[in-house]
Amino acid sequence: MPVDFTQLPPDLPVPVDDGAADHLTGMGFPDLQLESSDGRWMNLPEELGERAVLFIYPRTGTPGQPLLPGWDDIPGARGCTPQSCGYRDNLAGFRERGIGIFGLSAQTGSAQAEFKQRESIPYDLISDPGLKLAALLRLPTFTISNLTLYRRLTMIVESGRISKVFYPVFPPDQDAPSVLAWFAQEGPGGSGHQPAA
């Protein structure tokens, strides 16, 4: 039976806050160039601008291909498609507040381009197969089937500084509404990190 990547199965294991993102709030965003899903090289601090959400996710699924063995047993791994589509569906709310949206994973630009077209994603996806951002910011990762991937994490970047971190992010399909609600209630300048529950 084909996997429906748009739906989250019940009873997924819930990720816990292991402290791996505690150091991020207040850090400057590093000067880094990575390729976007449209093949363009992006200077991340410039592209993120004055105010942006950067959601970092493990990898999106591909129709017709099975999940990696044990994928659903890893807390927080499943749900990249619902998370990305949540930002698509809530994009107007972010744009009316002047907030840019960007997604980033360790997948190739071509894999991201296919996903972007298939799911009508209207914002940039950023490819980091070398995990360069992970090295610069000490971001949490995990390894499965000899692949090292990002753990799901969402950060708010304002004028080159990380002002807010949501980690762990669960359930992933509620990430965009939760972040949008945070902006509506607290706005920029918040501190600390919290689960996007």
Protein backbone atom coordinates (compact mmCIF):
# COMPACT_ATOMS: atom_id res chain seq x y z
CA MET A 1 0.00 0.00 0.00
CA PRO A 2 1.48 3.38 -0.99
CA VAL A 3 2.51 5.77 1.77
CA ASP A 4 0.35 8.88 2.09
CA PHE A 5 2.96 11.48 3.00
CA THR A 6 0.33 14.18 3.52
CA GLN A 7 -1.14 12.44 6.57
CA LEU A 8 0.39 11.75 9.98
CA PRO A 9 -0.28 8.25 11.29
CA PRO A 10 -1.64 7.96 14.84
CA ASP A 11 0.57 7.02 17.76
CA LEU A 12 3.83 8.42 16.41
CA PRO A 13 6.52 8.66 19.11
CA VAL A 14 6.70 12.17 20.56
CA PRO A 15 10.12 13.85 20.58
CA VAL A 16 11.42 15.25 23.86
CA ASP A 17 13.50 18.37 24.43
CA ASP A 18 17.02 17.02 24.82
CA GLY A 19 18.57 20.47 25.17
CA ALA A 20 20.20 20.30 21.74
CA ALA A 21 18.78 23.71 20.75
CA ASP A 22 19.33 25.54 24.05
CA HIS A 23 22.38 27.42 22.76
CA LEU A 24 20.76 28.87 19.63
CA THR A 25 18.64 31.77 20.88
CA GLY A 26 20.56 35.02 20.54
CA MET A 27 23.20 33.63 18.19
CA GLY A 28 24.11 35.49 15.04
CA PHE A 29 23.10 33.71 11.85
CA PRO A 30 26.26 32.61 10.01
CA ASP A 31 27.34 33.88 6.62
CA LEU A 32 26.57 30.91 4.40
CA GLN A 33 25.65 30.29 0.77
CA LEU A 34 23.45 27.33 -0.11
CA GLU A 35 21.48 26.27 -3.18
CA SER A 36 17.74 26.83 -3.35
CA SER A 37 15.19 24.53 -4.95
CA ASP A 38 15.21 26.70 -8.09
CA GLY A 39 18.97 26.22 -8.55
CA ARG A 40 19.89 29.68 -7.29
CA TRP A 41 22.71 30.16 -4.80
CA MET A 42 21.46 32.08 -1.80
CA ASN A 43 23.35 34.08 0.80
CA LEU A 44 21.25 33.03 3.75
CA PRO A 45 21.59 36.11 5.99
CA GLU A 46 20.68 38.37 3.06
CA GLU A 47 17.75 36.20 1.96
CA LEU A 48 16.35 35.86 5.48
CA GLY A 49 16.32 39.65 5.74
CA GLU A 50 14.79 41.54 8.64
CA ARG A 51 12.36 38.88 9.76
CA ALA A 52 11.97 35.28 8.62
CA VAL A 53 11.01 31.80 9.71
CA LEU A 54 13.48 29.06 8.81
CA PHE A 55 12.02 25.62 9.41
CA ILE A 56 14.52 22.78 9.26
CA TYR A 57 13.27 19.27 8.56
CA PRO A 58 14.72 15.79 7.95
CA ARG A 59 13.46 14.93 4.43
CA THR A 60 10.27 14.81 2.43
CA GLY A 61 8.97 11.53 1.06
CA THR A 62 8.69 10.66 -2.62
CA PRO A 63 5.54 9.02 -4.00
CA GLY A 64 6.11 5.40 -4.94
CA GLN A 65 9.13 5.05 -2.67
CA PRO A 66 8.88 3.39 0.74
CA LEU A 67 9.87 5.05 3.98
CA LEU A 68 13.36 4.34 5.25
CA PRO A 69 13.29 1.28 7.56
CA GLY A 70 12.37 2.37 11.07
CA TRP A 71 11.46 5.92 10.02
CA ASP A 72 8.21 6.06 11.97
CA ASP A 73 9.99 4.80 15.10
CA ILE A 74 12.23 7.89 15.28
CA PRO A 75 10.54 10.57 17.40
CA GLY A 76 9.80 13.60 15.24
CA ALA A 77 11.03 12.17 11.93
CA ARG A 78 7.68 11.73 10.16
CA GLY A 79 5.72 14.72 8.93
CA CYS A 80 7.85 16.84 6.61
CA THR A 81 5.17 17.05 3.92
CA PRO A 82 2.39 18.15 6.32
CA GLN A 83 4.76 20.67 7.91
CA SER A 84 5.77 22.17 4.56
CA CYS A 85 2.17 22.27 3.36
CA GLY A 86 1.19 23.97 6.63
CA TYR A 87 3.51 26.86 5.78
CA ARG A 88 2.08 26.92 2.27
CA ASP A 89 -1.47 27.10 3.61
CA ASN A 90 -0.64 29.78 6.21
CA LEU A 91 1.65 31.85 3.99
CA ALA A 92 -0.71 34.83 3.71
CA GLY A 93 -0.71 35.28 7.48
CA PHE A 94 3.07 35.46 7.55
CA ARG A 95 3.37 37.73 4.53
CA GLU A 96 0.91 40.28 5.90
CA ARG A 97 3.27 40.59 8.88
CA GLY A 98 6.30 40.96 6.60
CA ILE A 99 7.72 37.57 7.56
CA GLY A 100 9.60 35.46 5.02
CA ILE A 101 9.30 31.66 5.01
CA PHE A 102 12.12 29.26 4.13
CA GLY A 103 12.49 25.50 4.52
CA LEU A 104 15.83 23.69 4.74
CA SER A 105 16.84 20.04 4.64
CA ALA A 106 19.83 17.88 3.73
CA GLN A 107 18.14 16.75 0.51
CA THR A 108 19.45 17.68 -2.92
CA GLY A 109 18.10 20.69 -4.75
CA SER A 110 16.58 18.42 -7.41
CA ALA A 111 14.65 16.42 -4.79
CA GLN A 112 13.40 19.65 -3.27
CA ALA A 113 12.45 21.05 -6.68
CA GLU A 114 10.34 17.94 -7.40
CA PHE A 115 8.62 18.26 -4.02
CA LYS A 116 8.08 21.99 -4.46
CA GLN A 117 6.38 21.48 -7.82
CA ARG A 118 4.33 18.48 -6.66
CA GLU A 119 2.95 20.21 -3.55
CA SER A 120 2.75 23.76 -5.02
CA ILE A 121 5.14 25.16 -2.43
CA PRO A 122 5.33 28.96 -2.96
CA TYR A 123 8.47 29.69 -0.91
CA ASP A 124 12.14 28.73 -1.21
CA LEU A 125 13.44 25.37 -0.05
CA ILE A 126 17.15 25.33 0.73
CA SER A 127 19.43 22.36 0.08
CA ASP A 128 22.19 21.57 2.59
CA PRO A 129 23.40 18.04 1.78
CA GLY A 130 26.75 18.80 3.40
CA LEU A 131 25.08 19.81 6.68
CA LYS A 132 27.04 23.07 6.62
CA LEU A 133 24.50 24.94 8.72
CA ALA A 134 24.51 22.11 11.25
CA ALA A 135 28.27 22.45 11.64
CA LEU A 136 28.17 26.24 12.01
CA LEU A 137 25.29 26.35 14.49
CA ARG A 138 25.72 22.92 16.15
CA LEU A 139 22.23 21.90 15.07
CA PRO A 140 20.78 18.54 16.15
CA THR A 141 20.92 15.69 13.63
CA PHE A 142 20.26 11.95 13.53
CA THR A 143 21.49 9.07 11.39
CA ILE A 144 19.39 6.40 9.69
CA SER A 145 20.36 4.01 6.88
CA ASN A 146 23.79 5.71 6.65
CA LEU A 147 22.13 9.11 6.08
CA THR A 148 22.71 11.97 8.50
CA LEU A 149 19.67 14.24 8.55
CA TYR A 150 18.48 17.29 10.44
CA ARG A 151 16.20 16.97 13.43
CA ARG A 152 13.09 19.08 13.02
CA LEU A 153 13.58 22.59 14.37
CA THR A 154 12.09 26.00 13.57
CA MET A 155 13.88 29.28 14.16
CA ILE A 156 12.89 32.89 13.83
CA VAL A 157 15.70 35.04 12.45
CA GLU A 158 15.52 38.81 12.81
CA SER A 159 18.16 41.08 11.26
CA GLY A 160 20.81 38.37 11.27
CA ARG A 161 20.14 37.03 14.76
CA ILE A 162 18.20 33.98 15.95
CA SER A 163 15.52 35.44 18.20
CA LYS A 164 13.34 32.38 18.84
CA VAL A 165 13.65 28.61 18.53
CA PHE A 166 10.87 26.03 18.50
CA TYR A 167 12.28 22.61 19.39
CA PRO A 168 11.17 19.92 19.35
CA VAL A 169 8.45 20.53 16.78
CA PHE A 170 5.50 18.19 17.22
CA PRO A 171 3.11 17.54 15.68
CA PRO A 172 4.76 18.89 12.54
CA ASP A 173 1.49 19.78 10.81
CA GLN A 174 0.84 22.32 13.61
CA ASP A 175 4.21 24.06 13.30
CA ALA A 176 3.09 26.88 10.97
CA PRO A 177 -0.11 27.70 12.92
CA SER A 178 1.85 27.63 16.20
CA VAL A 179 4.57 29.95 14.92
CA LEU A 180 2.00 32.29 13.41
CA ALA A 181 0.13 32.35 16.74
CA TRP A 182 3.39 33.19 18.52
CA PHE A 183 3.90 36.18 16.23
CA ALA A 184 0.30 37.29 16.80
CA GLN A 185 0.58 37.03 20.60
CA GLU A 186 4.17 37.92 21.37
CA GLY A 187 5.66 39.33 18.22
CA PRO A 188 9.37 39.76 17.60
CA GLY A 189 11.89 40.11 20.38
CA GLY A 190 10.89 36.98 22.30
CA SER A 191 13.53 34.85 23.95
CA GLY A 192 14.12 31.26 24.83
CA HIS A 193 12.82 28.24 22.99
CA GLN A 194 9.68 26.24 23.32
CA PRO A 195 8.00 23.30 21.66
CA ALA A 196 5.68 24.29 18.82
CA ALA A 197 2.99 22.16 20.42
